Amino acid sequence: MLESFLLILLIGFFVGQIARRLKVPALVGMILVGIILGPQVADLISPNVLAASAPLRTIAVMVILMKAGLGLDREKLVQQGTVALRLGFLPAACEAVVIAIAAIWIFQFDFPTGLLLGCIIGAESPAVIVPGMLRLKSLGWGVTKGIPDAILTGSALSDVLLLLVFSLLLNFLTQGATSRVTLPFGITLSAVQLLPLQIICQIVLGVLLGLVTAQLLVLLLAKQNWTQNAVQDSLVAASLALLLVVLAEKFPFFSGYLAVMATGFFLIELDAPLARRLRSGFDGLWVVAEIVLFVLLGASIQLQVLEKTLLPGLVILAIGTLIGRALGWYLSTLGSNWKWRERLFLLPGNSAKATVQAAIGAIPLAQGIQGGETILAIAALSILVTAPLGAWAIPTFAPKLLERGEVDPTKVAIARRIVILAAVDTSPLASQVLTKAADLARRSDGEVIVLHVIRTTNPQEVEYLQEKSQRILADIRHKFITVAGSVPEEIIRVAQDYRVADIVMCKRGHQPWDEVLVGSVSQAVLESSPIPVILVEDERIHK
């Protein structure tokens, strides 16, 4: 098993990076690695790892749904009104029904079996959609109208609906229509009559348990301080989130995945600083979880079952998306303030399939349902076609179809390269400036540009500054540059060229009047720079 995990992590990571450098989504490379390493080709993954692939994928999906919850914006969801709620039901339901009708025509399925296929294919993939929507939020695409938030919420709700209908149809096809359930007070309902109550129960209890879990995390991590760092915070939060998923499997009265997403959402409302720390921690967890998820996803795809159903399978997918899901998108956004271009974005942004299809695609075949092999083949085909296509289409079409708005850093992690400019001269204060810049860079995992504006022809002084910079910034990526010209103008020009976050420089002043005048160079930079300036005083003045 250890060798298998090494292959999965190392090869999956590097092939994913190669795919990214080729302007292809990293998950495409990871899925290909899974296919090659899996039993279909090289058979290098241990059977024990393949047997544990379902729970491992569950952990990965838990991580990404927690990230989704920690990235939701309540104000934007309220602004959307019923759009997010309709996106949770109408596109998935319309796609499932249209696929059922198409399957009757193409594969001669009966309606329940066709609808079973529709429920499998109609489910959206959080592993593709959530990272894509969170990245759009971090870049500002569609955030003004809350479009990424509506898609995130809708995809979670649609999976709850389709998984419930899938389990109902599975029981119907294996046990017949005689299955009835007796509720308290002697009320007896058929499985079909019970379905609306199950959906409501799954959603309501999922949201309530998410709220309780969020309150528990705030109590343990923020108020009682049981943890000492962000890693421990993430460990506790991930464990409780995974517990929700495990409990939902044992007691199927609530949606575990919806509860996890609700936990992240309520954490923002209850304790925004804790939510920010957890957002960073789950970003780190996703780096590993993403590789494991998509490599094992590729390993689970059975290529040999695709041969007979490739063309009709593609037709089914096209009909389901372009007719069924498109009708659902139209009805979901009817009466909203979405423009036609924003509605069109739902095609690339809300169509990817992967995790749910891998989890339940083989169940009908295992249960002996007629047509189970065809269902499995189309489920595998939907992963191979829509997951890479969706991962590519979301960032490609967002700039063309969505409007860019202001990013709210309290709701989503913003990936930003932090660069600090340390402007130094040959005075003793250079060490203090470099030390301050180093401290800022360590806090933000940033880089430092050390700038010296040459006003002397003595090369030994410049060499001494370089050696000092190398010593103080030894554990920080840095670059030492020298320029000639007006000191204030060159400091501001270099700062803008390198897009630095802050300028650190010394405050020259050893006489009483200098406390007011500050110093000609630093004063000129303060007055002219559009970038924040941090002044470092001589420590000896205050001794």
Protein backbone atom coordinates (compact mmCIF):
# COMPACT_ATOMS: atom_id res chain seq x y z
CA MET A 1 0.00 0.00 0.00
CA LEU A 2 2.84 2.39 0.79
CA GLU A 3 4.33 1.99 -2.69
CA SER A 4 0.91 2.62 -4.24
CA PHE A 5 0.44 5.85 -2.30
CA LEU A 6 3.92 7.01 -3.30
CA LEU A 7 3.08 6.40 -6.96
CA ILE A 8 -0.29 8.12 -6.62
CA LEU A 9 1.07 11.22 -4.89
CA LEU A 10 4.32 11.72 -6.79
CA ILE A 11 3.25 10.78 -10.31
CA GLY A 12 -0.19 12.31 -9.85
CA PHE A 13 1.31 15.60 -8.68
CA PHE A 14 3.93 15.97 -11.39
CA VAL A 15 1.69 14.86 -14.25
CA GLY A 16 -0.93 17.28 -12.96
CA GLN A 17 1.66 20.07 -13.04
CA ILE A 18 2.69 19.08 -16.57
CA ALA A 19 -0.96 19.28 -17.62
CA ARG A 20 -1.27 22.71 -16.01
CA ARG A 21 1.82 23.96 -17.87
CA LEU A 22 0.22 22.74 -21.09
CA LYS A 23 -2.81 24.93 -20.23
CA VAL A 24 -4.90 21.83 -19.43
CA PRO A 25 -6.64 21.33 -16.05
CA ALA A 26 -4.44 19.41 -13.61
CA LEU A 27 -7.19 16.89 -12.93
CA VAL A 28 -6.92 15.69 -16.54
CA GLY A 29 -3.36 14.57 -15.87
CA MET A 30 -4.35 13.00 -12.56
CA ILE A 31 -7.20 11.01 -14.10
CA LEU A 32 -4.85 9.78 -16.85
CA VAL A 33 -2.36 8.69 -14.18
CA GLY A 34 -5.13 6.74 -12.46
CA ILE A 35 -6.11 5.01 -15.70
CA ILE A 36 -2.49 4.08 -16.44
CA LEU A 37 -1.60 2.96 -12.91
CA GLY A 38 -4.94 1.21 -12.38
CA PRO A 39 -6.02 -2.34 -13.18
CA GLN A 40 -6.98 -1.41 -16.74
CA VAL A 41 -3.37 -0.81 -17.88
CA ALA A 42 -0.28 -1.21 -15.66
CA ASP A 43 -2.03 -2.58 -12.54
CA LEU A 44 0.46 -0.89 -10.18
CA ILE A 45 -2.02 0.20 -7.52
CA SER A 46 -2.45 -2.25 -4.65
CA PRO A 47 -5.83 -4.02 -4.47
CA ASN A 48 -6.05 -2.88 -0.84
CA VAL A 49 -5.81 0.75 -1.95
CA LEU A 50 -8.42 0.20 -4.67
CA ALA A 51 -10.69 -1.44 -2.10
CA ALA A 52 -10.31 1.63 0.10
CA SER A 53 -10.85 4.06 -2.78
CA ALA A 54 -14.48 4.80 -1.85
CA PRO A 55 -13.73 6.03 1.71
CA LEU A 56 -10.66 7.89 0.46
CA ARG A 57 -12.79 9.68 -2.13
CA THR A 58 -15.31 10.44 0.62
CA ILE A 59 -12.60 12.17 2.65
CA ALA A 60 -11.55 14.21 -0.38
CA VAL A 61 -15.12 15.27 -1.13
CA MET A 62 -15.56 16.24 2.55
CA VAL A 63 -12.53 18.53 2.25
CA ILE A 64 -13.79 20.26 -0.88
CA LEU A 65 -17.32 20.71 0.50
CA MET A 66 -15.92 22.27 3.68
CA LYS A 67 -13.96 24.64 1.43
CA ALA A 68 -17.21 25.40 -0.39
CA GLY A 69 -19.05 26.21 2.83
CA LEU A 70 -16.20 28.42 4.04
CA GLY A 71 -16.45 30.33 0.76
CA LEU A 72 -20.21 31.00 0.69
CA ASP A 73 -21.53 34.55 1.03
CA ARG A 74 -24.85 34.87 2.87
CA GLU A 75 -25.58 38.34 1.48
CA LYS A 76 -25.14 37.16 -2.11
CA LEU A 77 -27.36 34.11 -1.51
CA VAL A 78 -30.11 36.31 -0.03
CA GLN A 79 -29.70 38.66 -2.98
CA GLN A 80 -30.31 35.78 -5.40
CA GLY A 81 -33.63 34.92 -3.78
CA THR A 82 -34.87 31.56 -5.05
CA VAL A 83 -32.33 31.17 -7.87
CA ALA A 84 -29.90 29.07 -5.79
CA LEU A 85 -32.80 26.94 -4.51
CA ARG A 86 -34.16 26.39 -8.01
CA LEU A 87 -30.66 25.54 -9.29
CA GLY A 88 -30.61 22.82 -6.64
CA PHE A 89 -33.65 21.04 -8.08
CA LEU A 90 -34.70 22.02 -11.59
CA PRO A 91 -31.56 21.39 -13.73
CA ALA A 92 -30.89 18.00 -12.12
CA ALA A 93 -34.54 16.93 -12.25
CA CYS A 94 -34.99 18.02 -15.87
CA GLU A 95 -31.77 16.31 -16.95
CA ALA A 96 -32.72 13.06 -15.18
CA VAL A 97 -36.17 12.97 -16.81
CA VAL A 98 -34.85 13.80 -20.30
CA ILE A 99 -32.13 11.15 -20.00
CA ALA A 100 -34.77 8.61 -18.89
CA ILE A 101 -36.85 9.35 -21.99
CA ALA A 102 -33.78 9.19 -24.25
CA ALA A 103 -32.68 5.89 -22.67
CA ILE A 104 -36.10 4.36 -23.43
CA TRP A 105 -35.61 5.33 -27.08
CA ILE A 106 -31.90 4.45 -27.45
CA PHE A 107 -31.42 1.48 -25.08
CA GLN A 108 -35.01 0.23 -24.79
CA PHE A 109 -34.91 0.71 -21.00
CA ASP A 110 -38.14 0.87 -19.04
CA PHE A 111 -38.83 4.25 -17.40
CA PRO A 112 -37.62 3.39 -13.85
CA THR A 113 -34.29 2.05 -15.21
CA GLY A 114 -33.93 5.07 -17.47
CA LEU A 115 -34.62 7.40 -14.55
CA LEU A 116 -32.04 5.47 -12.50
CA LEU A 117 -29.51 6.27 -15.22
CA GLY A 118 -30.70 9.90 -15.22
CA CYS A 119 -30.14 10.21 -11.47
CA ILE A 120 -26.58 8.91 -11.82
CA ILE A 121 -25.68 11.13 -14.77
CA GLY A 122 -27.54 14.22 -13.52
CA ALA A 123 -25.57 14.52 -10.29
CA GLU A 124 -22.99 17.34 -10.35
CA SER A 125 -19.40 16.93 -9.22
CA PRO A 126 -18.36 19.01 -6.20
CA ALA A 127 -14.74 18.01 -6.85
CA VAL A 128 -14.77 19.93 -10.15
CA ILE A 129 -17.36 22.65 -9.55
CA VAL A 130 -16.31 23.77 -6.04
CA PRO A 131 -12.63 24.55 -6.83
CA GLY A 132 -13.70 26.25 -10.04
CA MET A 133 -16.29 28.47 -8.34
CA LEU A 134 -13.96 29.35 -5.43
CA ARG A 135 -11.28 30.39 -7.91
CA LEU A 136 -13.79 32.58 -9.74
CA LYS A 137 -14.71 34.19 -6.41
CA SER A 138 -11.05 34.86 -5.62
CA LEU A 139 -10.71 36.58 -9.02
CA GLY A 140 -14.01 38.46 -8.76
CA TRP A 141 -15.86 36.90 -11.71
CA GLY A 142 -19.63 36.97 -11.17
CA VAL A 143 -19.37 37.94 -7.50
CA THR A 144 -21.51 41.07 -7.78
CA LYS A 145 -24.62 38.98 -8.45
CA GLY A 146 -23.43 36.01 -6.38
CA ILE A 147 -23.34 33.64 -9.37
CA PRO A 148 -20.59 31.35 -7.97
CA ASP A 149 -22.44 31.16 -4.63
CA ALA A 150 -25.70 30.21 -6.34
CA ILE A 151 -23.95 27.47 -8.33
CA LEU A 152 -22.17 26.12 -5.24
CA THR A 153 -25.37 25.92 -3.22
CA GLY A 154 -27.40 24.52 -6.09
CA SER A 155 -24.92 21.72 -6.83
CA ALA A 156 -24.99 20.57 -3.19
CA LEU A 157 -28.80 20.51 -3.07
CA SER A 158 -29.11 18.73 -6.43
CA ASP A 159 -26.90 15.87 -5.25
CA VAL A 160 -29.12 15.43 -2.18
CA LEU A 161 -32.21 15.19 -4.42
CA LEU A 162 -30.74 12.78 -6.96
CA LEU A 163 -29.13 10.46 -4.43
CA LEU A 164 -32.46 10.11 -2.61
CA VAL A 165 -34.36 9.38 -5.84
CA PHE A 166 -31.59 6.95 -6.85
CA SER A 167 -31.98 4.96 -3.62
CA LEU A 168 -35.76 4.92 -4.05
CA LEU A 169 -35.52 3.62 -7.64
CA LEU A 170 -32.91 1.05 -6.63
CA ASN A 171 -35.27 -0.36 -3.99
CA PHE A 172 -38.15 -0.30 -6.44
CA LEU A 173 -36.20 -2.20 -9.12
CA THR A 174 -34.79 -4.79 -6.71
CA GLN A 175 -37.74 -5.26 -4.31
CA GLY A 176 -40.72 -4.19 -6.38
CA ALA A 177 -43.41 -1.60 -5.71
CA THR A 178 -44.71 -3.19 -2.51
CA SER A 179 -42.22 -1.43 -0.23
CA ARG A 180 -44.14 0.63 2.36
CA VAL A 181 -43.04 2.46 5.49
CA THR A 182 -45.10 2.87 8.69
CA LEU A 183 -44.61 6.21 10.43
CA PRO A 184 -45.60 7.09 14.02
CA PHE A 185 -49.33 7.26 14.75
CA GLY A 186 -49.92 4.38 12.33
CA ILE A 187 -49.43 6.39 9.13
CA THR A 188 -48.35 4.13 6.26
CA LEU A 189 -46.75 5.60 3.15
CA SER A 190 -45.29 4.14 0.00
CA ALA A 191 -41.70 4.90 -0.91
CA VAL A 192 -42.86 7.45 -3.51
CA GLN A 193 -45.10 9.23 -1.01
CA LEU A 194 -42.28 9.27 1.52
CA LEU A 195 -39.77 10.84 -0.89
CA PRO A 196 -40.76 14.53 -0.35
CA LEU A 197 -40.55 14.04 3.42
CA GLN A 198 -37.13 12.43 3.04
CA ILE A 199 -35.83 15.33 0.93
CA ILE A 200 -37.07 17.91 3.43
CA CYS A 201 -35.70 15.90 6.35
CA GLN A 202 -32.30 15.44 4.71
CA ILE A 203 -31.96 19.15 3.98
CA VAL A 204 -33.34 20.54 7.24
CA LEU A 205 -31.45 18.12 9.52
CA GLY A 206 -28.31 18.58 7.45
CA VAL A 207 -28.43 22.36 7.90
CA LEU A 208 -29.24 22.07 11.62
CA LEU A 209 -26.41 19.62 12.28
CA GLY A 210 -24.09 21.93 10.35
CA LEU A 211 -25.10 24.78 12.65
CA VAL A 212 -24.55 22.67 15.78
CA THR A 213 -21.15 21.51 14.52
CA ALA A 214 -20.11 25.09 13.72
CA GLN A 215 -21.11 26.21 17.22
CA LEU A 216 -19.14 23.32 18.71
CA LEU A 217 -16.06 24.26 16.70
CA VAL A 218 -16.30 27.89 17.81
CA LEU A 219 -16.61 26.76 21.43
CA LEU A 220 -13.64 24.38 21.28
CA LEU A 221 -11.28 26.32 19.02
CA ALA A 222 -12.06 29.98 19.64
CA LYS A 223 -13.58 30.33 23.11
CA GLN A 224 -11.91 27.54 25.08
CA ASN A 225 -8.69 27.51 23.00
CA TRP A 226 -8.11 23.76 22.92
CA THR A 227 -5.75 24.18 19.97
CA GLN A 228 -2.52 26.13 19.63
CA ASN A 229 -2.16 26.62 15.86
CA ALA A 230 -3.99 26.53 12.53
CA VAL A 231 -2.93 22.93 11.81
CA GLN A 232 -4.64 21.69 14.97
CA ASP A 233 -7.71 23.80 14.14
CA SER A 234 -7.94 22.13 10.72
CA LEU A 235 -7.42 18.66 12.21
CA VAL A 236 -10.32 19.06 14.66
CA ALA A 237 -12.62 20.64 12.06
CA ALA A 238 -11.85 17.98 9.44
CA SER A 239 -12.46 15.19 11.97
CA LEU A 240 -15.86 16.57 13.00
CA ALA A 241 -16.82 17.14 9.36
CA LEU A 242 -15.87 13.57 8.48
CA LEU A 243 -17.87 12.36 11.49
CA LEU A 244 -20.94 14.03 9.98
CA VAL A 245 -20.45 12.09 6.74
CA VAL A 246 -19.94 8.79 8.59
CA LEU A 247 -23.02 9.35 10.76
CA ALA A 248 -25.09 10.16 7.67
CA GLU A 249 -24.11 6.80 6.15
CA LYS A 250 -25.14 4.93 9.31
CA PHE A 251 -28.25 7.03 10.00
CA PRO A 252 -29.54 8.22 6.60
CA PHE A 253 -31.90 10.84 8.00
CA PHE A 254 -29.76 13.81 6.95
CA SER A 255 -27.36 14.73 4.20
CA GLY A 256 -23.81 14.45 5.52
CA TYR A 257 -22.30 16.41 2.65
CA LEU A 258 -24.86 19.20 3.05
CA ALA A 259 -24.12 19.24 6.80
CA VAL A 260 -20.40 19.67 6.09
CA MET A 261 -21.07 22.54 3.69
CA ALA A 262 -23.44 24.15 6.19
CA THR A 263 -20.77 23.87 8.91
CA GLY A 264 -18.38 25.98 6.85
CA PHE A 265 -21.12 28.49 6.03
CA PHE A 266 -22.14 28.99 9.66
CA LEU A 267 -18.52 29.28 10.79
CA ILE A 268 -18.22 32.46 8.72
CA GLU A 269 -21.28 33.89 10.43
CA LEU A 270 -20.28 32.82 13.97
CA ASP A 271 -16.52 33.49 13.96
CA ALA A 272 -14.96 34.99 10.83
CA PRO A 273 -11.34 34.86 12.14
CA LEU A 274 -11.67 31.12 12.85
CA ALA A 275 -13.22 30.61 9.40
CA ARG A 276 -10.24 32.38 7.81
CA ARG A 277 -7.75 30.10 9.62
CA LEU A 278 -9.70 27.01 8.64
CA ARG A 279 -9.96 28.20 5.04
CA SER A 280 -6.18 28.27 4.87
CA GLY A 281 -5.89 24.84 6.52
CA PHE A 282 -8.38 23.18 4.18
CA ASP A 283 -6.60 24.71 1.21
CA GLY A 284 -3.54 22.73 2.34
CA LEU A 285 -5.56 19.54 2.84
CA TRP A 286 -7.03 19.85 -0.65
CA VAL A 287 -3.56 19.77 -2.22
CA VAL A 288 -3.23 16.12 -1.13
CA ALA A 289 -6.93 15.22 -1.31
CA GLU A 290 -7.21 16.41 -4.92
CA ILE A 291 -4.43 14.08 -6.10
CA VAL A 292 -5.84 11.06 -4.27
CA LEU A 293 -9.39 11.80 -5.45
CA PHE A 294 -8.72 12.12 -9.16
CA VAL A 295 -6.04 9.42 -9.46
CA LEU A 296 -8.33 6.89 -7.76
CA LEU A 297 -11.19 8.21 -9.89
CA GLY A 298 -9.20 7.37 -13.00
CA ALA A 299 -8.30 3.96 -11.59
CA SER A 300 -12.00 3.16 -11.05
CA ILE A 301 -12.99 3.84 -14.69
CA GLN A 302 -13.59 0.58 -16.57
CA LEU A 303 -12.48 1.27 -20.11
CA GLN A 304 -13.52 -2.08 -21.53
CA VAL A 305 -17.22 -1.38 -20.93
CA LEU A 306 -17.09 1.77 -23.07
CA GLU A 307 -16.62 0.04 -26.42
CA LYS A 308 -20.26 -0.81 -27.22
CA THR A 309 -21.83 2.32 -25.73
CA LEU A 310 -19.43 5.10 -26.78
CA LEU A 311 -21.53 6.76 -29.48
CA PRO A 312 -24.99 6.28 -27.87
CA GLY A 313 -23.47 7.33 -24.54
CA LEU A 314 -22.24 10.61 -26.03
CA VAL A 315 -25.71 11.17 -27.50
CA ILE A 316 -27.30 10.58 -24.10
CA LEU A 317 -24.91 13.05 -22.43
CA ALA A 318 -25.54 15.68 -25.11
CA ILE A 319 -29.33 15.31 -24.89
CA GLY A 320 -29.27 15.44 -21.09
CA THR A 321 -27.15 18.59 -20.99
CA LEU A 322 -28.33 20.57 -24.00
CA ILE A 323 -32.04 19.83 -23.59
CA GLY A 324 -32.81 18.70 -20.06
CA ARG A 325 -30.28 20.69 -18.06
CA ALA A 326 -30.64 23.76 -20.31
CA LEU A 327 -34.40 23.76 -19.64
CA GLY A 328 -33.69 23.56 -15.91
CA TRP A 329 -31.23 26.45 -16.12
CA TYR A 330 -33.78 28.59 -17.95
CA LEU A 331 -36.48 27.89 -15.37
CA SER A 332 -34.05 28.44 -12.48
CA THR A 333 -33.02 31.91 -13.63
CA LEU A 334 -36.45 33.00 -14.91
CA GLY A 335 -37.33 36.36 -13.39
CA SER A 336 -33.81 36.94 -12.03
CA ASN A 337 -31.41 39.78 -12.82
CA TRP A 338 -29.03 37.43 -14.69
CA LYS A 339 -28.14 38.50 -18.22
CA TRP A 340 -28.29 35.98 -21.06
CA ARG A 341 -24.49 35.67 -21.01
CA GLU A 342 -24.54 34.83 -17.30
CA ARG A 343 -27.23 32.23 -17.89
CA LEU A 344 -25.13 30.77 -20.70
CA PHE A 345 -22.23 30.38 -18.23
CA LEU A 346 -24.21 27.64 -16.49
CA LEU A 347 -23.34 25.35 -19.42
CA PRO A 348 -19.61 25.22 -18.59
CA GLY A 349 -20.03 26.07 -14.90
CA ASN A 350 -22.69 23.62 -13.80
CA SER A 351 -22.30 20.46 -15.91
CA ALA A 352 -19.24 18.55 -14.68
CA LYS A 353 -19.70 15.00 -13.41
CA ALA A 354 -17.13 12.88 -11.57
CA THR A 355 -17.35 11.87 -7.91
CA VAL A 356 -20.99 10.82 -7.61
CA GLN A 357 -20.80 8.83 -10.84
CA ALA A 358 -17.69 7.01 -9.60
CA ALA A 359 -19.38 6.27 -6.26
CA ILE A 360 -22.72 4.88 -7.48
CA GLY A 361 -22.24 4.08 -11.16
CA ALA A 362 -21.46 0.39 -10.54
CA ILE A 363 -24.23 -0.22 -7.99
CA PRO A 364 -27.01 -1.14 -10.50
CA LEU A 365 -24.75 -3.76 -12.10
CA ALA A 366 -23.81 -5.16 -8.68
CA GLN A 367 -27.52 -5.35 -7.75
CA GLY A 368 -28.26 -7.37 -10.90
CA ILE A 369 -30.44 -4.73 -12.55
CA GLN A 370 -30.95 -5.30 -16.26
CA GLY A 371 -28.92 -2.76 -18.21
CA GLY A 372 -26.48 -2.29 -15.32
CA GLU A 373 -23.43 -2.70 -17.56
CA THR A 374 -24.70 0.02 -19.90
CA ILE A 375 -25.37 2.31 -16.94
CA LEU A 376 -21.83 1.76 -15.67
CA ALA A 377 -20.36 2.47 -19.11
CA ILE A 378 -22.23 5.77 -19.48
CA ALA A 379 -21.28 6.78 -15.93
CA ALA A 380 -17.62 6.18 -16.79
CA LEU A 381 -18.02 8.07 -20.05
CA SER A 382 -19.58 11.03 -18.28
CA ILE A 383 -16.50 11.28 -16.04
CA LEU A 384 -14.04 11.07 -18.93
CA VAL A 385 -15.90 13.69 -20.98
CA THR A 386 -17.42 16.22 -18.59
CA ALA A 387 -14.87 16.39 -15.73
CA PRO A 388 -11.92 17.57 -17.87
CA LEU A 389 -14.20 19.65 -20.07
CA GLY A 390 -15.81 21.37 -17.09
CA ALA A 391 -12.49 22.02 -15.35
CA TRP A 392 -11.21 23.67 -18.56
CA ALA A 393 -14.40 25.53 -19.46
CA ILE A 394 -15.03 27.25 -16.09
CA PRO A 395 -11.90 29.47 -16.11
CA THR A 396 -11.97 29.81 -19.90
CA PHE A 397 -15.50 31.14 -20.31
CA ALA A 398 -15.91 33.06 -17.03
CA PRO A 399 -14.01 36.14 -18.34
CA LYS A 400 -16.09 36.05 -21.54
CA LEU A 401 -19.53 35.62 -19.96
CA LEU A 402 -19.35 37.07 -16.44
CA GLU A 403 -18.73 40.55 -15.11
CA ARG A 404 -15.84 41.18 -12.73
CA GLY A 405 -16.63 42.61 -9.33
CA GLU A 406 -14.87 43.44 -6.10
CA VAL A 407 -13.48 40.44 -4.21
CA ASP A 408 -14.50 40.02 -0.58
CA PRO A 409 -11.38 38.64 1.18
CA THR A 410 -13.45 37.72 4.26
CA LYS A 411 -15.30 35.04 2.28
CA VAL A 412 -12.62 33.42 0.12
CA ALA A 413 -8.89 32.81 0.18
CA ILE A 414 -7.08 35.05 -2.28
CA ALA A 415 -3.93 33.61 -3.77
CA ARG A 416 -1.50 36.49 -3.96
CA ARG A 417 2.25 36.63 -4.34
CA ILE A 418 3.50 38.96 -1.59
CA VAL A 419 6.59 41.01 -2.45
CA ILE A 420 8.23 43.42 -0.01
CA LEU A 421 10.60 46.16 -1.18
CA ALA A 422 13.46 46.93 1.23
CA ALA A 423 15.07 50.24 0.23
CA VAL A 424 18.52 50.37 1.86
CA ASP A 425 21.46 52.72 1.88
CA THR A 426 24.94 52.28 3.30
CA SER A 427 24.05 53.56 6.79
CA PRO A 428 23.82 51.29 9.87
CA LEU A 429 20.01 51.47 9.53
CA ALA A 430 20.19 49.06 6.57
CA SER A 431 20.31 46.09 8.96
CA GLN A 432 17.13 47.22 10.71
CA VAL A 433 15.34 47.74 7.39
CA LEU A 434 16.36 44.27 6.18
CA THR A 435 15.33 42.71 9.50
CA LYS A 436 11.88 44.35 9.31
CA ALA A 437 11.41 43.24 5.69
CA ALA A 438 12.46 39.71 6.62
CA ASP A 439 9.92 39.65 9.47
CA LEU A 440 7.10 40.75 7.15
CA ALA A 441 8.11 38.23 4.49
CA ARG A 442 8.16 35.34 6.98
CA ARG A 443 4.69 36.19 8.24
CA SER A 444 3.23 36.21 4.72
CA ASP A 445 5.52 33.64 3.08
CA GLY A 446 6.56 36.42 0.76
CA GLU A 447 9.62 37.54 -1.19
CA VAL A 448 11.89 40.56 -0.76
CA ILE A 449 13.36 42.94 -3.33
CA VAL A 450 16.39 44.68 -1.84
CA LEU A 451 16.92 48.01 -3.61
CA HIS A 452 19.97 50.23 -3.34
CA VAL A 453 20.03 53.50 -5.24
CA ILE A 454 23.70 54.10 -5.98
CA ARG A 455 25.04 57.49 -4.91
CA THR A 456 28.66 56.44 -4.46
CA THR A 457 31.26 54.86 -6.71
CA ASN A 458 32.63 52.68 -3.91
CA PRO A 459 31.90 49.06 -4.98
CA GLN A 460 32.91 47.72 -1.55
CA GLU A 461 29.88 49.37 0.07
CA VAL A 462 27.53 47.72 -2.43
CA GLU A 463 29.23 44.37 -1.92
CA TYR A 464 28.89 44.77 1.84
CA LEU A 465 25.14 45.46 1.42
CA GLN A 466 24.77 42.32 -0.71
CA GLU A 467 26.51 40.19 1.94
CA LYS A 468 24.36 41.69 4.68
CA SER A 469 21.20 41.03 2.66
CA GLN A 470 22.24 37.43 2.04
CA ARG A 471 22.85 36.88 5.76
CA ILE A 472 19.63 38.47 7.09
CA LEU A 473 17.42 37.08 4.30
CA ALA A 474 19.04 33.65 4.13
CA ASP A 475 15.72 31.77 4.49
CA ILE A 476 13.72 34.10 2.23
CA ARG A 477 13.62 34.30 -1.56
CA HIS A 478 15.09 37.67 -2.40
CA LYS A 479 16.70 39.68 -5.15
CA PHE A 480 19.31 42.41 -4.77
CA ILE A 481 19.18 45.17 -7.38
CA THR A 482 20.97 48.48 -7.80
CA VAL A 483 19.88 51.49 -9.83
CA ALA A 484 21.06 55.05 -10.32
CA GLY A 485 19.00 58.20 -10.23
CA SER A 486 16.79 60.17 -7.88
CA VAL A 487 16.33 58.10 -4.73
CA PRO A 488 12.59 58.73 -4.08
CA GLU A 489 11.66 58.39 -7.75
CA GLU A 490 13.61 55.14 -8.20
CA ILE A 491 12.14 53.61 -5.03
CA ILE A 492 8.58 54.29 -6.25
CA ARG A 493 9.34 53.17 -9.82
CA VAL A 494 10.89 49.85 -8.76
CA ALA A 495 8.06 49.26 -6.27
CA GLN A 496 5.48 49.68 -9.04
CA ASP A 497 7.46 47.58 -11.53
CA TYR A 498 7.61 44.64 -9.12
CA ARG A 499 4.04 45.23 -7.80
CA VAL A 500 5.19 45.13 -4.20
CA ALA A 501 2.78 45.06 -1.28
CA ASP A 502 4.83 47.34 1.02
CA ILE A 503 7.91 49.52 0.93
CA VAL A 504 10.21 49.29 3.94
CA MET A 505 12.79 52.04 4.37
CA CYS A 506 14.63 53.88 7.10
CA LYS A 507 13.53 57.08 8.76
CA ARG A 508 16.61 59.25 8.86
CA GLY A 509 16.66 61.73 11.67
CA HIS A 510 19.04 62.19 14.60
CA GLN A 511 18.22 65.75 15.59
CA PRO A 512 15.09 67.01 17.42
CA TRP A 513 13.81 68.89 14.37
CA ASP A 514 14.11 65.71 12.33
CA GLU A 515 11.30 64.21 14.41
CA VAL A 516 9.02 66.64 12.59
CA LEU A 517 10.71 66.75 9.20
CA VAL A 518 11.23 62.94 9.16
CA GLY A 519 13.88 63.14 6.41
CA SER A 520 13.89 64.36 2.86
CA VAL A 521 13.95 60.95 1.10
CA SER A 522 11.42 59.18 3.29
CA GLN A 523 9.18 62.26 3.33
CA ALA A 524 9.22 62.41 -0.48
CA VAL A 525 8.36 58.70 -0.76
CA LEU A 526 5.55 59.05 1.80
CA GLU A 527 4.01 61.92 -0.13
CA SER A 528 4.31 60.34 -3.59
CA SER A 529 3.94 56.58 -3.18
CA PRO A 530 0.60 54.89 -3.93
CA ILE A 531 2.02 51.84 -2.09
CA PRO A 532 2.03 51.63 1.75
CA VAL A 533 5.35 52.71 3.28
CA ILE A 534 6.77 51.33 6.53
CA LEU A 535 9.39 53.53 8.17
CA VAL A 536 12.04 51.98 10.41
CA GLU A 537 13.52 54.25 13.05
CA ASP A 538 17.00 54.03 14.51
CA GLU A 539 16.65 51.96 17.69
CA ARG A 540 19.47 53.96 19.28
CA ILE A 541 17.34 57.12 19.33
CA HIS A 542 14.99 55.60 21.92
CA LYS A 543 17.67 54.12 24.14
